Amino acid sequence: MRLRKLVTAAAGGAGAAALANRTLSWRADPLEPALEGYQGTYRWRGFDVAYTEAGDPEDQDVLLLHGVHAAASTKEFDQVFRQLAQTYHVVAPDLPGFGLSSRPPVNYTAALYVDFVAEFAAEHTDDAICVASSLSGAYATLAQRQRDVFSRLELICPTADTGERRAWLRALLRSPLVGTALFNALASKRSIRRFNERDGYFREASYTERDVAYQWQTAHQTGARFAPASFVSGYLDPDADLGEELAAVDVPVTLVWGRDAKVTPLEEGQELADRGDTRLVVFDEARLLPHAEHPGPFLDVLFDELTPIEEQ
């Protein structure tokens, strides 16, 4: 219902929408890196993919893959990145179409992201431990099945199904005037706060206005609506049964879940763990982002699990 109202309002106020779009584009500052470290660029299929790298290159590689939503970026890992880099060689890319990476008006698909994860991991890491969130958990799983690029998967509320495909919605959001106005409404600070409060975090105190401001900035860079247009219309869901794919993966897998997750409820995590024969770690008082909301306990779990790998 809310989406329908936004579509109607955007379509009905074309003149006002054009003015609002220009105003918001002027207000958006150039985006700064979300993480501290070496800032690199990976040229891939016409994209300039930004990534941050930290830690000793001689240490075990850890690849961090952020989730997918309108304001997604590597900032999702800012609570754990620095501490991980004290022990591991950590690499965190902004996925194509998000963050500091380029955002051309191509048709973004799940297959594109699976290929990106596989090829980026092959070129920038060696048998990495992959920590991936939400849809990126599915991409990492499929990349491992295709290319055998990881030594372990740590998947945070992974999913391969966000809803039915709606071509009309993708086309609408990609349109220059109405699509920009609609996306600006969906990615307003009010909407970002609502997502954080309802779906991202268990406690409002777990994020700050500075976090909201960065999310708003990244959602208002040039071309920001194109990848999310495919996401909200279902075109970033891979054509795969995640449970079956997890069962076929030949490396250790752990699923991490927030007990109070709403977008991907814990029941889905329990079913995936059963079908994939994987370990499931559940964090109390957490929703979609337990690694951001409980970074210390999350790292404790991660370090405890990774120690046996180093000793083998």
C-alpha atoms as a PDB file:
ATOM      1  CA  MET A   1       0.000   0.000   0.000  1.00  0.00           C
ATOM      2  CA  ARG A   2       2.783   2.430   0.904  1.00  0.00           C
ATOM      3  CA  LEU A   3       4.597   1.721  -2.383  1.00  0.00           C
ATOM      4  CA  ARG A   4       1.364   2.303  -4.340  1.00  0.00           C
ATOM      5  CA  LYS A   5       0.868   5.671  -2.638  1.00  0.00           C
ATOM      6  CA  LEU A   6       4.445   6.672  -3.438  1.00  0.00           C
ATOM      7  CA  VAL A   7       3.982   5.699  -7.085  1.00  0.00           C
ATOM      8  CA  THR A   8       0.769   7.710  -7.325  1.00  0.00           C
ATOM      9  CA  ALA A   9       2.276  10.736  -5.646  1.00  0.00           C
ATOM     10  CA  ALA A  10       5.403  10.652  -7.779  1.00  0.00           C
ATOM     11  CA  ALA A  11       3.459  10.237 -11.003  1.00  0.00           C
ATOM     12  CA  GLY A  12       1.024  13.002 -10.101  1.00  0.00           C
ATOM     13  CA  GLY A  13       3.579  15.656  -9.252  1.00  0.00           C
ATOM     14  CA  ALA A  14       6.018  15.572 -12.151  1.00  0.00           C
ATOM     15  CA  GLY A  15       7.020  19.223 -11.921  1.00  0.00           C
ATOM     16  CA  ALA A  16       7.547  19.128  -8.194  1.00  0.00           C
ATOM     17  CA  ALA A  17       9.383  15.819  -8.561  1.00  0.00           C
ATOM     18  CA  ALA A  18      11.846  17.315 -11.046  1.00  0.00           C
ATOM     19  CA  LEU A  19      12.610  20.184  -8.689  1.00  0.00           C
ATOM     20  CA  ALA A  20      12.958  17.847  -5.705  1.00  0.00           C
ATOM     21  CA  ASN A  21      15.258  15.531  -7.645  1.00  0.00           C
ATOM     22  CA  ARG A  22      17.584  18.405  -8.544  1.00  0.00           C
ATOM     23  CA  THR A  23      17.562  19.707  -4.983  1.00  0.00           C
ATOM     24  CA  LEU A  24      18.472  16.320  -3.515  1.00  0.00           C
ATOM     25  CA  SER A  25      21.265  15.786  -6.044  1.00  0.00           C
ATOM     26  CA  TRP A  26      22.757  19.145  -5.035  1.00  0.00           C
ATOM     27  CA  ARG A  27      22.537  18.265  -1.343  1.00  0.00           C
ATOM     28  CA  ALA A  28      24.338  14.935  -1.701  1.00  0.00           C
ATOM     29  CA  ASP A  29      28.072  15.308  -1.061  1.00  0.00           C
ATOM     30  CA  PRO A  30      30.725  13.119  -2.698  1.00  0.00           C
ATOM     31  CA  LEU A  31      30.849   9.866  -0.769  1.00  0.00           C
ATOM     32  CA  GLU A  32      33.821   9.201   1.504  1.00  0.00           C
ATOM     33  CA  PRO A  33      35.192   5.684   2.142  1.00  0.00           C
ATOM     34  CA  ALA A  34      33.272   3.961   4.930  1.00  0.00           C
ATOM     35  CA  LEU A  35      36.274   1.966   6.186  1.00  0.00           C
ATOM     36  CA  GLU A  36      39.873   2.931   6.988  1.00  0.00           C
ATOM     37  CA  GLY A  37      42.583   1.226   4.971  1.00  0.00           C
ATOM     38  CA  TYR A  38      44.041   1.062   1.502  1.00  0.00           C
ATOM     39  CA  GLN A  39      41.449   2.258  -1.002  1.00  0.00           C
ATOM     40  CA  GLY A  40      41.658   0.275  -4.214  1.00  0.00           C
ATOM     41  CA  THR A  41      39.750   0.064  -7.488  1.00  0.00           C
ATOM     42  CA  TYR A  42      39.060  -3.140  -9.393  1.00  0.00           C
ATOM     43  CA  ARG A  43      38.138  -2.679 -13.036  1.00  0.00           C
ATOM     44  CA  TRP A  44      35.557  -5.345 -13.832  1.00  0.00           C
ATOM     45  CA  ARG A  45      33.235  -5.576 -16.863  1.00  0.00           C
ATOM     46  CA  GLY A  46      33.069  -1.817 -17.206  1.00  0.00           C
ATOM     47  CA  PHE A  47      32.605  -1.190 -13.469  1.00  0.00           C
ATOM     48  CA  ASP A  48      35.077   0.603 -11.249  1.00  0.00           C
ATOM     49  CA  VAL A  49      34.626  -1.442  -8.089  1.00  0.00           C
ATOM     50  CA  ALA A  50      35.903   0.266  -4.943  1.00  0.00           C
ATOM     51  CA  TYR A  51      37.333  -1.828  -2.144  1.00  0.00           C
ATOM     52  CA  THR A  52      39.101  -1.296   1.181  1.00  0.00           C
ATOM     53  CA  GLU A  53      41.991  -3.487   2.247  1.00  0.00           C
ATOM     54  CA  ALA A  54      43.697  -3.703   5.635  1.00  0.00           C
ATOM     55  CA  GLY A  55      45.898  -6.068   7.626  1.00  0.00           C
ATOM     56  CA  ASP A  56      49.021  -8.033   6.815  1.00  0.00           C
ATOM     57  CA  PRO A  57      48.804  -9.593   3.322  1.00  0.00           C
ATOM     58  CA  GLU A  58      50.665 -12.602   4.722  1.00  0.00           C
ATOM     59  CA  ASP A  59      47.786 -13.376   7.093  1.00  0.00           C
ATOM     60  CA  GLN A  60      44.687 -15.436   6.301  1.00  0.00           C
ATOM     61  CA  ASP A  61      42.396 -13.579   3.878  1.00  0.00           C
ATOM     62  CA  VAL A  62      38.907 -12.536   4.956  1.00  0.00           C
ATOM     63  CA  LEU A  63      36.458 -11.231   2.350  1.00  0.00           C
ATOM     64  CA  LEU A  64      33.555  -9.127   3.627  1.00  0.00           C
ATOM     65  CA  LEU A  65      30.455  -8.849   1.424  1.00  0.00           C
ATOM     66  CA  HIS A  66      27.783  -6.388   2.486  1.00  0.00           C
ATOM     67  CA  GLY A  67      24.071  -6.981   2.075  1.00  0.00           C
ATOM     68  CA  VAL A  68      21.836  -5.524  -0.620  1.00  0.00           C
ATOM     69  CA  HIS A  69      19.334  -2.709  -0.059  1.00  0.00           C
ATOM     70  CA  ALA A  70      18.786   0.881  -1.173  1.00  0.00           C
ATOM     71  CA  ALA A  71      21.540   2.302   1.064  1.00  0.00           C
ATOM     72  CA  ALA A  72      23.973  -0.639   1.072  1.00  0.00           C
ATOM     73  CA  SER A  73      27.746  -0.235   1.340  1.00  0.00           C
ATOM     74  CA  THR A  74      30.781  -1.532   3.182  1.00  0.00           C
ATOM     75  CA  LYS A  75      29.771   0.649   6.128  1.00  0.00           C
ATOM     76  CA  GLU A  76      27.814  -2.387   7.290  1.00  0.00           C
ATOM     77  CA  PHE A  77      31.142  -3.769   8.564  1.00  0.00           C
ATOM     78  CA  ASP A  78      32.580  -0.673  10.207  1.00  0.00           C
ATOM     79  CA  GLN A  79      32.125  -2.163  13.683  1.00  0.00           C
ATOM     80  CA  VAL A  80      34.279  -5.229  12.940  1.00  0.00           C
ATOM     81  CA  PHE A  81      36.644  -4.256  10.116  1.00  0.00           C
ATOM     82  CA  ARG A  82      39.472  -2.722  12.127  1.00  0.00           C
ATOM     83  CA  GLN A  83      39.580  -5.478  14.723  1.00  0.00           C
ATOM     84  CA  LEU A  84      39.529  -8.199  12.068  1.00  0.00           C
ATOM     85  CA  ALA A  85      42.458  -6.478  10.349  1.00  0.00           C
ATOM     86  CA  GLN A  86      44.580  -6.929  13.468  1.00  0.00           C
ATOM     87  CA  THR A  87      44.611 -10.678  12.894  1.00  0.00           C
ATOM     88  CA  TYR A  88      43.606 -11.184   9.247  1.00  0.00           C
ATOM     89  CA  HIS A  89      44.140  -9.656   5.834  1.00  0.00           C
ATOM     90  CA  VAL A  90      40.699  -8.153   5.228  1.00  0.00           C
ATOM     91  CA  VAL A  91      39.220  -7.035   1.905  1.00  0.00           C
ATOM     92  CA  ALA A  92      35.801  -5.379   1.636  1.00  0.00           C
ATOM     93  CA  PRO A  93      34.388  -4.295  -1.749  1.00  0.00           C
ATOM     94  CA  ASP A  94      31.408  -2.099  -2.414  1.00  0.00           C
ATOM     95  CA  LEU A  95      29.331  -4.310  -4.711  1.00  0.00           C
ATOM     96  CA  PRO A  96      28.830  -3.001  -8.271  1.00  0.00           C
ATOM     97  CA  GLY A  97      26.090  -0.382  -8.183  1.00  0.00           C
ATOM     98  CA  PHE A  98      26.596   0.457  -4.490  1.00  0.00           C
ATOM     99  CA  GLY A  99      28.791   2.573  -2.234  1.00  0.00           C
ATOM    100  CA  LEU A 100      31.874   4.029  -3.904  1.00  0.00           C
ATOM    101  CA  SER A 101      31.652   1.629  -6.855  1.00  0.00           C
ATOM    102  CA  SER A 102      30.357   2.896 -10.186  1.00  0.00           C
ATOM    103  CA  ARG A 103      26.627   2.691 -10.827  1.00  0.00           C
ATOM    104  CA  PRO A 104      25.943   2.573 -14.573  1.00  0.00           C
ATOM    105  CA  PRO A 105      22.353   2.075 -15.807  1.00  0.00           C
ATOM    106  CA  VAL A 106      22.772  -1.613 -16.664  1.00  0.00           C
ATOM    107  CA  ASN A 107      20.284  -4.347 -15.779  1.00  0.00           C
ATOM    108  CA  TYR A 108      21.655  -5.689 -12.507  1.00  0.00           C
ATOM    109  CA  THR A 109      21.064  -9.412 -11.967  1.00  0.00           C
ATOM    110  CA  ALA A 110      21.898 -12.103  -9.451  1.00  0.00           C
ATOM    111  CA  ALA A 111      24.147 -13.795 -12.041  1.00  0.00           C
ATOM    112  CA  LEU A 112      26.191 -10.603 -12.347  1.00  0.00           C
ATOM    113  CA  TYR A 113      26.817 -10.543  -8.599  1.00  0.00           C
ATOM    114  CA  VAL A 114      27.663 -14.243  -8.399  1.00  0.00           C
ATOM    115  CA  ASP A 115      30.214 -13.770 -11.181  1.00  0.00           C
ATOM    116  CA  PHE A 116      31.602 -10.670  -9.483  1.00  0.00           C
ATOM    117  CA  VAL A 117      32.064 -12.424  -6.137  1.00  0.00           C
ATOM    118  CA  ALA A 118      33.790 -15.400  -7.772  1.00  0.00           C
ATOM    119  CA  GLU A 119      36.117 -13.297  -9.923  1.00  0.00           C
ATOM    120  CA  PHE A 120      36.912 -10.687  -7.268  1.00  0.00           C
ATOM    121  CA  ALA A 121      37.700 -13.397  -4.730  1.00  0.00           C
ATOM    122  CA  ALA A 122      39.905 -15.248  -7.221  1.00  0.00           C
ATOM    123  CA  GLU A 123      41.922 -12.116  -8.052  1.00  0.00           C
ATOM    124  CA  HIS A 124      42.172 -10.452  -4.623  1.00  0.00           C
ATOM    125  CA  THR A 125      42.170 -13.314  -2.117  1.00  0.00           C
ATOM    126  CA  ASP A 126      43.499 -16.817  -1.661  1.00  0.00           C
ATOM    127  CA  ASP A 127      41.238 -19.396   0.001  1.00  0.00           C
ATOM    128  CA  ALA A 128      39.521 -16.608   1.883  1.00  0.00           C
ATOM    129  CA  ILE A 129      37.107 -16.889   4.743  1.00  0.00           C
ATOM    130  CA  CYS A 130      34.013 -15.189   3.364  1.00  0.00           C
ATOM    131  CA  VAL A 131      31.705 -13.241   5.665  1.00  0.00           C
ATOM    132  CA  ALA A 132      28.612 -12.363   3.663  1.00  0.00           C
ATOM    133  CA  SER A 133      25.303 -10.765   4.587  1.00  0.00           C
ATOM    134  CA  SER A 134      21.762 -11.237   3.277  1.00  0.00           C
ATOM    135  CA  LEU A 135      21.601 -11.800  -0.509  1.00  0.00           C
ATOM    136  CA  SER A 136      25.387 -11.714  -0.678  1.00  0.00           C
ATOM    137  CA  GLY A 137      25.332 -14.905   1.359  1.00  0.00           C
ATOM    138  CA  ALA A 138      23.590 -16.613  -1.548  1.00  0.00           C
ATOM    139  CA  TYR A 139      26.030 -15.086  -4.037  1.00  0.00           C
ATOM    140  CA  ALA A 140      29.001 -16.316  -1.999  1.00  0.00           C
ATOM    141  CA  THR A 141      27.516 -19.804  -1.766  1.00  0.00           C
ATOM    142  CA  LEU A 142      26.984 -20.003  -5.523  1.00  0.00           C
ATOM    143  CA  ALA A 143      30.427 -18.545  -6.224  1.00  0.00           C
ATOM    144  CA  GLN A 144      31.956 -21.259  -4.051  1.00  0.00           C
ATOM    145  CA  ARG A 145      30.011 -23.926  -5.898  1.00  0.00           C
ATOM    146  CA  GLN A 146      31.238 -22.564  -9.234  1.00  0.00           C
ATOM    147  CA  ARG A 147      34.864 -21.631  -8.542  1.00  0.00           C
ATOM    148  CA  ASP A 148      35.933 -23.089  -5.153  1.00  0.00           C
ATOM    149  CA  VAL A 149      37.356 -19.738  -4.001  1.00  0.00           C
ATOM    150  CA  PHE A 150      36.706 -19.875  -0.231  1.00  0.00           C
ATOM    151  CA  SER A 151      37.965 -21.928   2.681  1.00  0.00           C
ATOM    152  CA  ARG A 152      34.955 -21.160   4.859  1.00  0.00           C
ATOM    153  CA  LEU A 153      31.586 -19.382   4.663  1.00  0.00           C
ATOM    154  CA  GLU A 154      30.187 -17.293   7.516  1.00  0.00           C
ATOM    155  CA  LEU A 155      26.739 -16.227   6.301  1.00  0.00           C
ATOM    156  CA  ILE A 156      24.663 -13.626   8.131  1.00  0.00           C
ATOM    157  CA  CYS A 157      20.904 -14.039   7.589  1.00  0.00           C
ATOM    158  CA  PRO A 158      21.461 -15.314   4.032  1.00  0.00           C
ATOM    159  CA  THR A 159      18.564 -15.479   1.615  1.00  0.00           C
ATOM    160  CA  ALA A 160      17.903 -16.230  -2.041  1.00  0.00           C
ATOM    161  CA  ASP A 161      14.265 -15.144  -2.081  1.00  0.00           C
ATOM    162  CA  THR A 162      13.109 -11.573  -1.448  1.00  0.00           C
ATOM    163  CA  GLY A 163       9.835 -11.774  -3.345  1.00  0.00           C
ATOM    164  CA  GLU A 164       8.291 -12.176  -6.767  1.00  0.00           C
ATOM    165  CA  ARG A 165       9.736 -10.510  -9.844  1.00  0.00           C
ATOM    166  CA  ARG A 166       7.924  -7.359 -10.946  1.00  0.00           C
ATOM    167  CA  ALA A 167       9.188  -6.035 -14.268  1.00  0.00           C
ATOM    168  CA  TRP A 168       6.899  -3.008 -14.124  1.00  0.00           C
ATOM    169  CA  LEU A 169       8.446  -1.859 -10.834  1.00  0.00           C
ATOM    170  CA  ARG A 170      11.990  -2.188 -12.113  1.00  0.00           C
ATOM    171  CA  ALA A 171      11.096  -0.198 -15.235  1.00  0.00           C
ATOM    172  CA  LEU A 172       9.370   2.477 -13.150  1.00  0.00           C
ATOM    173  CA  LEU A 173      12.301   2.932 -10.768  1.00  0.00           C
ATOM    174  CA  ARG A 174      14.737   3.126 -13.681  1.00  0.00           C
ATOM    175  CA  SER A 175      12.745   5.896 -15.384  1.00  0.00           C
ATOM    176  CA  PRO A 176      14.478   9.298 -15.251  1.00  0.00           C
ATOM    177  CA  LEU A 177      11.868  11.502 -13.580  1.00  0.00           C
ATOM    178  CA  VAL A 178       9.270   9.435 -11.757  1.00  0.00           C
ATOM    179  CA  GLY A 179      11.762   6.699 -10.950  1.00  0.00           C
ATOM    180  CA  THR A 180      14.201   9.134  -9.383  1.00  0.00           C
ATOM    181  CA  ALA A 181      11.430  10.769  -7.356  1.00  0.00           C
ATOM    182  CA  LEU A 182      10.111   7.426  -6.175  1.00  0.00           C
ATOM    183  CA  PHE A 183      13.559   6.197  -5.228  1.00  0.00           C
ATOM    184  CA  ASN A 184      14.308   9.436  -3.383  1.00  0.00           C
ATOM    185  CA  ALA A 185      11.178   8.827  -1.319  1.00  0.00           C
ATOM    186  CA  LEU A 186      12.113   5.213  -0.632  1.00  0.00           C
ATOM    187  CA  ALA A 187      15.642   6.281   0.332  1.00  0.00           C
ATOM    188  CA  SER A 188      14.732   9.318   2.428  1.00  0.00           C
ATOM    189  CA  LYS A 189      16.246   9.686   5.890  1.00  0.00           C
ATOM    190  CA  ARG A 190      12.840   8.895   7.339  1.00  0.00           C
ATOM    191  CA  SER A 191      12.643   5.640   5.350  1.00  0.00           C
ATOM    192  CA  ILE A 192      16.222   4.733   6.253  1.00  0.00           C
ATOM    193  CA  ARG A 193      15.512   5.268   9.953  1.00  0.00           C
ATOM    194  CA  ARG A 194      12.355   3.183   9.648  1.00  0.00           C
ATOM    195  CA  PHE A 195      14.291   0.327   8.012  1.00  0.00           C
ATOM    196  CA  ASN A 196      16.951   0.487  10.716  1.00  0.00           C
ATOM    197  CA  GLU A 197      14.383   0.517  13.529  1.00  0.00           C
ATOM    198  CA  ARG A 198      12.049  -2.103  12.112  1.00  0.00           C
ATOM    199  CA  ASP A 199      14.353  -4.487  10.267  1.00  0.00           C
ATOM    200  CA  GLY A 200      18.026  -3.705  10.762  1.00  0.00           C
ATOM    201  CA  TYR A 201      18.516  -3.361  14.502  1.00  0.00           C
ATOM    202  CA  PHE A 202      16.891  -4.577  17.685  1.00  0.00           C
ATOM    203  CA  ARG A 203      17.783  -1.400  19.590  1.00  0.00           C
ATOM    204  CA  GLU A 204      17.618   2.143  18.266  1.00  0.00           C
ATOM    205  CA  ALA A 205      20.773   2.926  20.246  1.00  0.00           C
ATOM    206  CA  SER A 206      22.739   0.535  18.006  1.00  0.00           C
ATOM    207  CA  TYR A 207      23.009   3.094  15.208  1.00  0.00           C
ATOM    208  CA  THR A 208      23.545   6.859  15.097  1.00  0.00           C
ATOM    209  CA  GLU A 209      22.441   9.819  13.025  1.00  0.00           C
ATOM    210  CA  ARG A 210      25.897   9.733  11.491  1.00  0.00           C
ATOM    211  CA  ASP A 211      25.115   6.233  10.228  1.00  0.00           C
ATOM    212  CA  VAL A 212      21.810   7.461   8.784  1.00  0.00           C
ATOM    213  CA  ALA A 213      23.561  10.406   7.132  1.00  0.00           C
ATOM    214  CA  TYR A 214      26.073   8.108   5.421  1.00  0.00           C
ATOM    215  CA  GLN A 215      23.311   5.777   4.270  1.00  0.00           C
ATOM    216  CA  TRP A 216      21.438   8.761   2.846  1.00  0.00           C
ATOM    217  CA  GLN A 217      24.546  10.025   1.063  1.00  0.00           C
ATOM    218  CA  THR A 218      25.272   6.685  -0.572  1.00  0.00           C
ATOM    219  CA  ALA A 219      21.634   6.377  -1.673  1.00  0.00           C
ATOM    220  CA  HIS A 220      21.810   9.761  -3.407  1.00  0.00           C
ATOM    221  CA  GLN A 221      24.908   9.363  -5.532  1.00  0.00           C
ATOM    222  CA  THR A 222      24.593   9.467  -9.298  1.00  0.00           C
ATOM    223  CA  GLY A 223      22.965   6.271 -10.579  1.00  0.00           C
ATOM    224  CA  ALA A 224      22.084   5.067  -7.078  1.00  0.00           C
ATOM    225  CA  ARG A 225      18.635   3.796  -8.037  1.00  0.00           C
ATOM    226  CA  PHE A 226      19.617   1.313 -10.738  1.00  0.00           C
ATOM    227  CA  ALA A 227      20.871  -1.621  -8.648  1.00  0.00           C
ATOM    228  CA  PRO A 228      18.149  -1.189  -5.986  1.00  0.00           C
ATOM    229  CA  ALA A 229      15.568  -1.094  -8.803  1.00  0.00           C
ATOM    230  CA  SER A 230      16.514  -4.683  -9.596  1.00  0.00           C
ATOM    231  CA  PHE A 231      16.589  -5.560  -5.902  1.00  0.00           C
ATOM    232  CA  VAL A 232      13.104  -4.352  -4.929  1.00  0.00           C
ATOM    233  CA  SER A 233      11.620  -5.908  -8.062  1.00  0.00           C
ATOM    234  CA  GLY A 234      13.072  -9.354  -7.296  1.00  0.00           C
ATOM    235  CA  TYR A 235      15.685  -9.500 -10.051  1.00  0.00           C
ATOM    236  CA  LEU A 236      18.624  -9.916  -7.677  1.00  0.00           C
ATOM    237  CA  ASP A 237      17.270 -13.215  -6.322  1.00  0.00           C
ATOM    238  CA  PRO A 238      19.298 -16.098  -7.754  1.00  0.00           C
ATOM    239  CA  ASP A 239      17.503 -18.971  -9.461  1.00  0.00           C
ATOM    240  CA  ALA A 240      18.713 -21.479  -6.911  1.00  0.00           C
ATOM    241  CA  ASP A 241      17.539 -23.400  -3.886  1.00  0.00           C
ATOM    242  CA  LEU A 242      19.825 -22.059  -1.166  1.00  0.00           C
ATOM    243  CA  GLY A 243      19.282 -25.052   1.087  1.00  0.00           C
ATOM    244  CA  GLU A 244      20.378 -27.452  -1.650  1.00  0.00           C
ATOM    245  CA  GLU A 245      23.355 -25.288  -2.550  1.00  0.00           C
ATOM    246  CA  LEU A 246      24.508 -25.111   1.067  1.00  0.00           C
ATOM    247  CA  ALA A 247      24.231 -28.894   1.374  1.00  0.00           C
ATOM    248  CA  ALA A 248      26.510 -29.264  -1.640  1.00  0.00           C
ATOM    249  CA  VAL A 249      29.190 -26.798  -0.515  1.00  0.00           C
ATOM    250  CA  ASP A 250      32.464 -28.549   0.319  1.00  0.00           C
ATOM    251  CA  VAL A 251      33.783 -26.108   2.959  1.00  0.00           C
ATOM    252  CA  PRO A 252      32.620 -25.415   6.546  1.00  0.00           C
ATOM    253  CA  VAL A 253      29.562 -23.168   6.722  1.00  0.00           C
ATOM    254  CA  THR A 254      28.113 -21.294   9.680  1.00  0.00           C
ATOM    255  CA  LEU A 255      24.853 -19.377   9.589  1.00  0.00           C
ATOM    256  CA  VAL A 256      24.531 -16.363  11.895  1.00  0.00           C
ATOM    257  CA  TRP A 257      21.056 -15.094  12.751  1.00  0.00           C
ATOM    258  CA  GLY A 258      19.367 -12.453  14.842  1.00  0.00           C
ATOM    259  CA  ARG A 259      16.684 -14.055  16.983  1.00  0.00           C
ATOM    260  CA  ASP A 260      14.289 -11.200  16.227  1.00  0.00           C
ATOM    261  CA  ALA A 261      15.001 -10.896  12.491  1.00  0.00           C
ATOM    262  CA  LYS A 262      11.895  -9.923  10.544  1.00  0.00           C
ATOM    263  CA  VAL A 263      13.026  -9.762   6.903  1.00  0.00           C
ATOM    264  CA  THR A 264      14.473 -13.263   7.178  1.00  0.00           C
ATOM    265  CA  PRO A 265      12.882 -14.819  10.297  1.00  0.00           C
ATOM    266  CA  LEU A 266      14.814 -17.242  12.466  1.00  0.00           C
ATOM    267  CA  GLU A 267      12.558 -20.067  11.275  1.00  0.00           C
ATOM    268  CA  GLU A 268      14.134 -19.667   7.830  1.00  0.00           C
ATOM    269  CA  GLY A 269      17.578 -19.882   9.375  1.00  0.00           C
ATOM    270  CA  GLN A 270      16.684 -23.045  11.238  1.00  0.00           C
ATOM    271  CA  GLU A 271      15.315 -24.621   8.058  1.00  0.00           C
ATOM    272  CA  LEU A 272      18.421 -23.633   6.069  1.00  0.00           C
ATOM    273  CA  ALA A 273      20.709 -25.018   8.766  1.00  0.00           C
ATOM    274  CA  ASP A 274      18.826 -28.327   8.762  1.00  0.00           C
ATOM    275  CA  ARG A 275      18.759 -28.659   4.993  1.00  0.00           C
ATOM    276  CA  GLY A 276      22.351 -27.526   4.531  1.00  0.00           C
ATOM    277  CA  ASP A 277      23.653 -29.460   7.526  1.00  0.00           C
ATOM    278  CA  THR A 278      25.356 -26.324   8.833  1.00  0.00           C
ATOM    279  CA  ARG A 279      25.940 -24.793  12.229  1.00  0.00           C
ATOM    280  CA  LEU A 280      23.499 -22.049  13.274  1.00  0.00           C
ATOM    281  CA  VAL A 281      24.553 -19.332  15.730  1.00  0.00           C
ATOM    282  CA  VAL A 282      21.714 -17.182  17.070  1.00  0.00           C
ATOM    283  CA  PHE A 283      22.208 -13.776  18.691  1.00  0.00           C
ATOM    284  CA  ASP A 284      19.609 -12.546  21.145  1.00  0.00           C
ATOM    285  CA  GLU A 285      18.366  -8.957  20.879  1.00  0.00           C
ATOM    286  CA  ALA A 286      19.397  -8.762  17.226  1.00  0.00           C
ATOM    287  CA  ARG A 287      17.659  -8.619  13.877  1.00  0.00           C
ATOM    288  CA  LEU A 288      19.217  -8.469  10.428  1.00  0.00           C
ATOM    289  CA  LEU A 289      22.632  -7.103  11.479  1.00  0.00           C
ATOM    290  CA  PRO A 290      23.947  -8.996  14.527  1.00  0.00           C
ATOM    291  CA  HIS A 291      27.542  -8.272  13.453  1.00  0.00           C
ATOM    292  CA  ALA A 292      26.861  -4.531  13.565  1.00  0.00           C
ATOM    293  CA  GLU A 293      24.725  -4.611  16.703  1.00  0.00           C
ATOM    294  CA  HIS A 294      26.899  -7.033  18.706  1.00  0.00           C
ATOM    295  CA  PRO A 295      30.372  -6.712  17.140  1.00  0.00           C
ATOM    296  CA  GLY A 296      32.294  -8.039  20.158  1.00  0.00           C
ATOM    297  CA  PRO A 297      30.308 -11.267  20.602  1.00  0.00           C
ATOM    298  CA  PHE A 298      30.165 -11.725  16.821  1.00  0.00           C
ATOM    299  CA  LEU A 299      33.951 -11.530  16.579  1.00  0.00           C
ATOM    300  CA  ASP A 300      34.307 -13.897  19.544  1.00  0.00           C
ATOM    301  CA  VAL A 301      32.269 -16.488  17.657  1.00  0.00           C
ATOM    302  CA  LEU A 302      34.205 -15.863  14.455  1.00  0.00           C
ATOM    303  CA  PHE A 303      37.641 -16.078  16.080  1.00  0.00           C
ATOM    304  CA  ASP A 304      36.675 -19.242  17.988  1.00  0.00           C
ATOM    305  CA  GLU A 305      35.578 -20.906  14.751  1.00  0.00           C
ATOM    306  CA  LEU A 306      38.580 -19.862  12.717  1.00  0.00           C
ATOM    307  CA  THR A 307      41.264 -20.981  15.174  1.00  0.00           C
ATOM    308  CA  PRO A 308      40.991 -24.691  14.233  1.00  0.00           C
ATOM    309  CA  ILE A 309      41.492 -23.811  10.565  1.00  0.00           C
ATOM    310  CA  GLU A 310      44.755 -22.036  11.353  1.00  0.00           C
ATOM    311  CA  GLU A 311      46.013 -24.944  13.438  1.00  0.00           C
ATOM    312  CA  GLN A 312      45.387 -27.604  10.789  1.00  0.00           C
END
